[in-house]
Amino acid sequence: MSGPVIEMRGIVNRFGAQVVHDGLDMDVFEGEVFGIVGGSGSGKSVLMRTILGLQRPSAGTVKLYGRDITTLSERELRDVKRGYGVTFQHGALFSSLTVRKNIQLPMAEFFPLDEAMLDGLAALKVAMVGLPAEALDKYPAQLSGGMIKRAALARSLALDPKLLFLDEPTAGLDPIAAAGFDELLLDLQRNLELTVVMVTHDLDTIFRTCNRVGVIVDRRMIVDTVAGIVSNPHPWIQEYFHGPRARAVAHAGAPARGA
């Protein structure tokens, strides 16, 4: 791994009297899969929106590839957003558009491509995420939950980003489909040389895919390798990774990715 792709320093996010983050720091390095974990109300989604430039923090800096996005104009920020892909928890596909049109939407927004080129690129993205070609002309309501996740991933890759954000990518999937998504993500990350930032509560996904994990506790973030986080003495971290519903013990015999 080389230098940081994302640098966050002293992030404060508050809503009225409620302080969600208070001096949070985070670095994500090129080529890694970085997982973000935290309890309900810890501000995982708020943090993601802050990184994406969808909301400005009350204080602190957010640098993507060295540019502090908190100081950019809307036009400058639009150029930054073109360089990353995002998937949201429930797919967030446009229900009135086919998979083909969903994938083509960001392409048509940024590049003057003819219909034949758009069709070819959409077909390529669908194949990349393991969907059959016939999925191109289906609407989201005609897809299974796993297919929606993959279609959303295909759309996030439409502009060939090097930075990918995933919000609960395996939520709602059965264990087999979730494991298949994890393997797909690792293949894409390796073959496309992606840097991935992922909000997830899926411990299997964390152990299988993440190089490092950032845990939001006490309005700040504790960052370490997966193995390091599992052994961290903080009470919430211990409860999360070793509590009655955790699977950390089951993974104890296998080294975490990147450990």
Protein backbone atom coordinates (compact mmCIF):
# COMPACT_ATOMS: atom_id res chain seq x y z
CA MET A 1 0.00 0.00 0.00
CA SER A 2 1.22 3.50 -0.82
CA GLY A 3 0.05 6.91 0.42
CA PRO A 4 -3.37 7.84 1.77
CA VAL A 5 -6.24 8.24 -0.66
CA ILE A 6 -8.48 9.61 2.10
CA GLU A 7 -7.26 11.77 4.98
CA MET A 8 -9.71 12.97 7.64
CA ARG A 9 -8.51 15.12 10.51
CA GLY A 10 -10.41 16.54 13.47
CA ILE A 11 -13.84 15.79 12.04
CA VAL A 12 -16.73 17.20 14.04
CA ASN A 13 -20.31 16.51 12.98
CA ARG A 14 -23.07 17.97 15.09
CA PHE A 15 -26.79 18.42 14.65
CA GLY A 16 -28.01 21.04 17.08
CA ALA A 17 -26.88 19.98 20.53
CA GLN A 18 -26.13 16.42 19.38
CA VAL A 19 -22.45 15.77 18.63
CA VAL A 20 -22.01 12.67 16.46
CA HIS A 21 -18.26 12.90 15.79
CA ASP A 22 -15.84 14.89 17.90
CA GLY A 23 -12.26 15.02 16.60
CA LEU A 24 -12.45 11.91 14.43
CA ASP A 25 -9.34 11.01 12.38
CA MET A 26 -9.17 8.43 9.58
CA ASP A 27 -6.76 7.46 6.80
CA VAL A 28 -7.47 5.06 3.94
CA PHE A 29 -4.52 3.89 1.87
CA GLU A 30 -4.39 3.12 -1.81
CA GLY A 31 -5.26 -0.46 -2.69
CA GLU A 32 -6.78 -1.50 0.64
CA VAL A 33 -10.25 -2.60 1.70
CA PHE A 34 -11.15 -0.49 4.71
CA GLY A 35 -14.14 -1.45 6.84
CA ILE A 36 -16.12 0.99 9.01
CA VAL A 37 -17.92 -0.43 12.03
CA GLY A 38 -19.96 1.18 14.80
CA GLY A 39 -23.06 0.83 16.90
CA SER A 40 -26.48 2.25 16.08
CA GLY A 41 -26.32 6.03 16.29
CA SER A 42 -22.52 6.13 16.06
CA GLY A 43 -22.70 8.07 12.81
CA LYS A 44 -21.50 5.56 10.20
CA SER A 45 -23.82 6.95 7.53
CA VAL A 46 -23.03 10.53 8.56
CA LEU A 47 -19.33 9.76 8.20
CA MET A 48 -19.87 8.25 4.77
CA ARG A 49 -21.82 11.29 3.61
CA THR A 50 -19.01 13.50 4.93
CA ILE A 51 -16.37 11.58 2.97
CA LEU A 52 -18.50 11.71 -0.17
CA GLY A 53 -18.89 15.47 0.08
CA LEU A 54 -22.65 15.20 0.50
CA GLN A 55 -22.46 17.20 3.73
CA ARG A 56 -19.83 19.47 5.19
CA PRO A 57 -18.52 18.72 8.68
CA SER A 58 -18.91 21.29 11.43
CA ALA A 59 -15.10 21.24 11.75
CA GLY A 60 -12.13 19.37 10.34
CA THR A 61 -10.72 18.51 6.93
CA VAL A 62 -11.53 15.77 4.43
CA LYS A 63 -8.92 15.15 1.74
CA LEU A 64 -9.49 12.89 -1.25
CA TYR A 65 -6.29 12.39 -3.23
CA GLY A 66 -4.85 15.42 -1.44
CA ARG A 67 -7.74 17.82 -2.17
CA ASP A 68 -9.66 19.16 0.82
CA ILE A 69 -13.24 18.68 -0.38
CA THR A 70 -14.63 20.84 2.44
CA THR A 71 -13.25 23.92 0.65
CA LEU A 72 -14.32 23.10 -2.91
CA SER A 73 -17.05 24.78 -4.91
CA GLU A 74 -19.97 22.71 -6.17
CA ARG A 75 -18.38 22.56 -9.62
CA GLU A 76 -15.05 21.41 -8.24
CA LEU A 77 -16.77 18.88 -6.01
CA ARG A 78 -18.61 17.48 -9.03
CA ASP A 79 -15.26 16.67 -10.63
CA VAL A 80 -14.14 14.89 -7.45
CA LYS A 81 -17.36 12.85 -7.33
CA ARG A 82 -16.71 11.62 -10.86
CA GLY A 83 -13.64 9.82 -9.51
CA TYR A 84 -15.45 7.51 -7.11
CA GLY A 85 -18.26 4.97 -7.21
CA VAL A 86 -20.90 4.37 -4.53
CA THR A 87 -23.42 1.69 -3.69
CA PHE A 88 -26.08 2.25 -1.06
CA GLN A 89 -27.60 -0.28 1.33
CA HIS A 90 -30.78 -0.95 -0.63
CA GLY A 91 -29.21 -0.59 -4.07
CA ALA A 92 -30.81 2.81 -4.77
CA LEU A 93 -31.45 1.87 -8.39
CA PHE A 94 -34.02 3.98 -10.21
CA SER A 95 -37.11 1.78 -10.25
CA SER A 96 -38.45 3.28 -13.48
CA LEU A 97 -35.24 2.46 -15.40
CA THR A 98 -33.88 -0.86 -16.58
CA VAL A 99 -30.53 -2.10 -15.33
CA ARG A 100 -29.06 -0.99 -18.66
CA LYS A 101 -30.34 2.58 -18.25
CA ASN A 102 -29.30 2.70 -14.58
CA ILE A 103 -25.73 1.84 -15.54
CA GLN A 104 -25.70 4.20 -18.50
CA LEU A 105 -26.98 7.19 -16.52
CA PRO A 106 -23.63 8.32 -15.03
CA MET A 107 -21.87 7.60 -18.34
CA ALA A 108 -24.26 9.81 -20.29
CA GLU A 109 -23.97 12.55 -17.68
CA PHE A 110 -20.22 12.93 -18.01
CA PHE A 111 -19.32 11.73 -21.53
CA PRO A 112 -20.79 12.33 -25.01
CA LEU A 113 -21.20 8.67 -26.01
CA ASP A 114 -23.45 7.29 -28.73
CA GLU A 115 -26.05 4.62 -27.99
CA ALA A 116 -23.97 1.74 -29.35
CA MET A 117 -21.06 2.65 -27.11
CA LEU A 118 -23.33 3.03 -24.09
CA ASP A 119 -24.88 -0.37 -24.77
CA GLY A 120 -21.48 -2.00 -25.09
CA LEU A 121 -20.20 -0.48 -21.87
CA ALA A 122 -23.34 -1.44 -19.94
CA ALA A 123 -23.01 -5.02 -21.14
CA LEU A 124 -19.36 -5.05 -20.03
CA LYS A 125 -20.21 -3.77 -16.54
CA VAL A 126 -22.98 -6.35 -16.11
CA ALA A 127 -20.61 -9.14 -17.10
CA MET A 128 -17.97 -7.82 -14.68
CA VAL A 129 -20.31 -8.27 -11.70
CA GLY A 130 -21.45 -11.74 -12.72
CA LEU A 131 -24.96 -10.94 -13.94
CA PRO A 132 -26.42 -12.61 -17.04
CA ALA A 133 -26.83 -10.47 -20.15
CA GLU A 134 -30.63 -10.70 -19.93
CA ALA A 135 -30.50 -8.72 -16.67
CA LEU A 136 -29.74 -5.59 -18.71
CA ASP A 137 -33.35 -5.16 -19.77
CA LYS A 138 -34.97 -6.02 -16.45
CA TYR A 139 -36.30 -3.49 -13.99
CA PRO A 140 -35.17 -3.52 -10.35
CA ALA A 141 -38.51 -4.99 -9.23
CA GLN A 142 -37.79 -8.03 -11.42
CA LEU A 143 -34.47 -8.77 -9.72
CA SER A 144 -33.63 -10.75 -6.61
CA GLY A 145 -31.93 -9.01 -3.69
CA GLY A 146 -28.55 -10.39 -4.69
CA MET A 147 -28.99 -9.29 -8.30
CA ILE A 148 -29.93 -5.77 -7.16
CA LYS A 149 -26.70 -5.58 -5.16
CA ARG A 150 -24.69 -6.63 -8.20
CA ALA A 151 -26.55 -4.27 -10.53
CA ALA A 152 -25.86 -1.40 -8.13
CA LEU A 153 -22.21 -2.43 -8.06
CA ALA A 154 -22.14 -2.41 -11.88
CA ARG A 155 -23.53 1.14 -11.88
CA SER A 156 -20.95 2.24 -9.30
CA LEU A 157 -18.22 1.03 -11.69
CA ALA A 158 -19.71 2.85 -14.69
CA LEU A 159 -17.05 5.58 -14.77
CA ASP A 160 -14.12 3.24 -14.01
CA PRO A 161 -13.40 4.71 -10.56
CA LYS A 162 -10.34 3.80 -8.52
CA LEU A 163 -12.16 4.55 -5.26
CA LEU A 164 -15.29 2.60 -4.30
CA PHE A 165 -17.66 3.17 -1.38
CA LEU A 166 -20.04 0.43 -0.25
CA ASP A 167 -22.81 0.88 2.32
CA GLU A 168 -23.79 -2.46 3.91
CA PRO A 169 -23.13 -4.38 0.67
CA THR A 170 -24.23 -7.79 2.02
CA ALA A 171 -27.18 -6.65 4.16
CA GLY A 172 -30.26 -8.77 3.50
CA LEU A 173 -28.39 -11.46 1.60
CA ASP A 174 -28.37 -15.12 2.58
CA PRO A 175 -24.96 -16.52 3.63
CA ILE A 176 -24.27 -18.08 0.22
CA ALA A 177 -25.11 -14.89 -1.71
CA ALA A 178 -23.13 -12.79 0.79
CA ALA A 179 -20.08 -15.02 0.44
CA GLY A 180 -20.38 -14.79 -3.35
CA PHE A 181 -20.48 -11.00 -3.14
CA ASP A 182 -17.39 -10.98 -0.93
CA GLU A 183 -15.47 -13.04 -3.48
CA LEU A 184 -16.67 -10.82 -6.32
CA LEU A 185 -15.52 -7.73 -4.43
CA LEU A 186 -12.06 -9.18 -3.83
CA ASP A 187 -11.73 -10.15 -7.51
CA LEU A 188 -12.75 -6.67 -8.67
CA GLN A 189 -10.56 -4.97 -6.10
CA ARG A 190 -7.53 -6.96 -7.23
CA ASN A 191 -8.16 -6.83 -10.98
CA LEU A 192 -9.24 -3.18 -11.15
CA GLU A 193 -6.77 -2.04 -8.47
CA LEU A 194 -9.55 -0.48 -6.42
CA THR A 195 -9.41 1.18 -3.04
CA VAL A 196 -12.58 0.19 -1.16
CA VAL A 197 -14.26 1.83 1.84
CA MET A 198 -17.09 -0.24 3.26
CA VAL A 199 -19.63 0.34 6.03
CA THR A 200 -20.71 -3.07 7.25
CA HIS A 201 -21.91 -4.98 10.28
CA ASP A 202 -21.26 -8.36 8.62
CA LEU A 203 -18.40 -9.97 10.55
CA ASP A 204 -17.87 -12.62 7.89
CA THR A 205 -17.37 -9.87 5.30
CA ILE A 206 -14.99 -8.00 7.61
CA PHE A 207 -12.81 -11.06 8.19
CA ARG A 208 -12.87 -12.12 4.54
CA THR A 209 -12.29 -8.82 2.77
CA CYS A 210 -10.86 -6.08 4.99
CA ASN A 211 -7.21 -5.15 5.40
CA ARG A 212 -8.01 -2.70 8.20
CA VAL A 213 -11.04 -1.68 10.22
CA GLY A 214 -12.07 1.63 11.75
CA VAL A 215 -14.43 1.37 14.71
CA ILE A 216 -16.44 4.46 15.69
CA VAL A 217 -16.60 4.59 19.48
CA ASP A 218 -16.93 7.55 21.84
CA ARG A 219 -17.45 9.83 18.79
CA ARG A 220 -13.96 9.04 17.47
CA MET A 221 -12.37 6.20 15.52
CA ILE A 222 -10.03 3.39 16.53
CA VAL A 223 -8.20 1.95 13.50
CA ASP A 224 -6.19 -1.26 13.26
CA THR A 225 -5.82 -4.47 11.30
CA VAL A 226 -8.68 -6.91 11.80
CA ALA A 227 -6.54 -8.98 14.14
CA GLY A 228 -5.57 -5.87 16.09
CA ILE A 229 -9.16 -4.66 16.40
CA VAL A 230 -10.36 -8.05 17.62
CA SER A 231 -7.84 -7.92 20.47
CA ASN A 232 -8.52 -4.25 21.36
CA PRO A 233 -9.62 -4.00 25.00
CA HIS A 234 -12.29 -1.32 24.48
CA PRO A 235 -15.52 -2.73 26.02
CA TRP A 236 -17.74 -2.03 23.00
CA ILE A 237 -15.22 -3.59 20.60
CA GLN A 238 -14.91 -6.65 22.82
CA GLU A 239 -18.70 -7.01 22.97
CA TYR A 240 -19.05 -6.56 19.22
CA PHE A 241 -16.40 -9.05 18.17
CA HIS A 242 -16.69 -11.50 21.08
CA GLY A 243 -20.29 -11.12 22.24
CA PRO A 244 -23.00 -13.80 22.08
CA ARG A 245 -23.87 -13.08 18.44
CA ALA A 246 -20.30 -12.57 17.23
CA ARG A 247 -18.37 -15.05 15.11
CA ALA A 248 -14.87 -13.90 15.98
CA VAL A 249 -14.09 -17.12 17.85
CA ALA A 250 -15.03 -19.14 14.78
CA HIS A 251 -12.45 -17.18 12.78
CA ALA A 252 -9.74 -17.36 15.39
CA GLY A 253 -7.90 -20.11 13.56
CA ALA A 254 -7.76 -18.22 10.26
CA PRO A 255 -5.67 -15.06 9.81
CA ALA A 256 -7.60 -11.92 8.91
CA ARG A 257 -6.92 -10.46 5.47
CA GLY A 258 -3.96 -8.11 5.56
CA ALA A 259 -3.03 -9.04 9.10
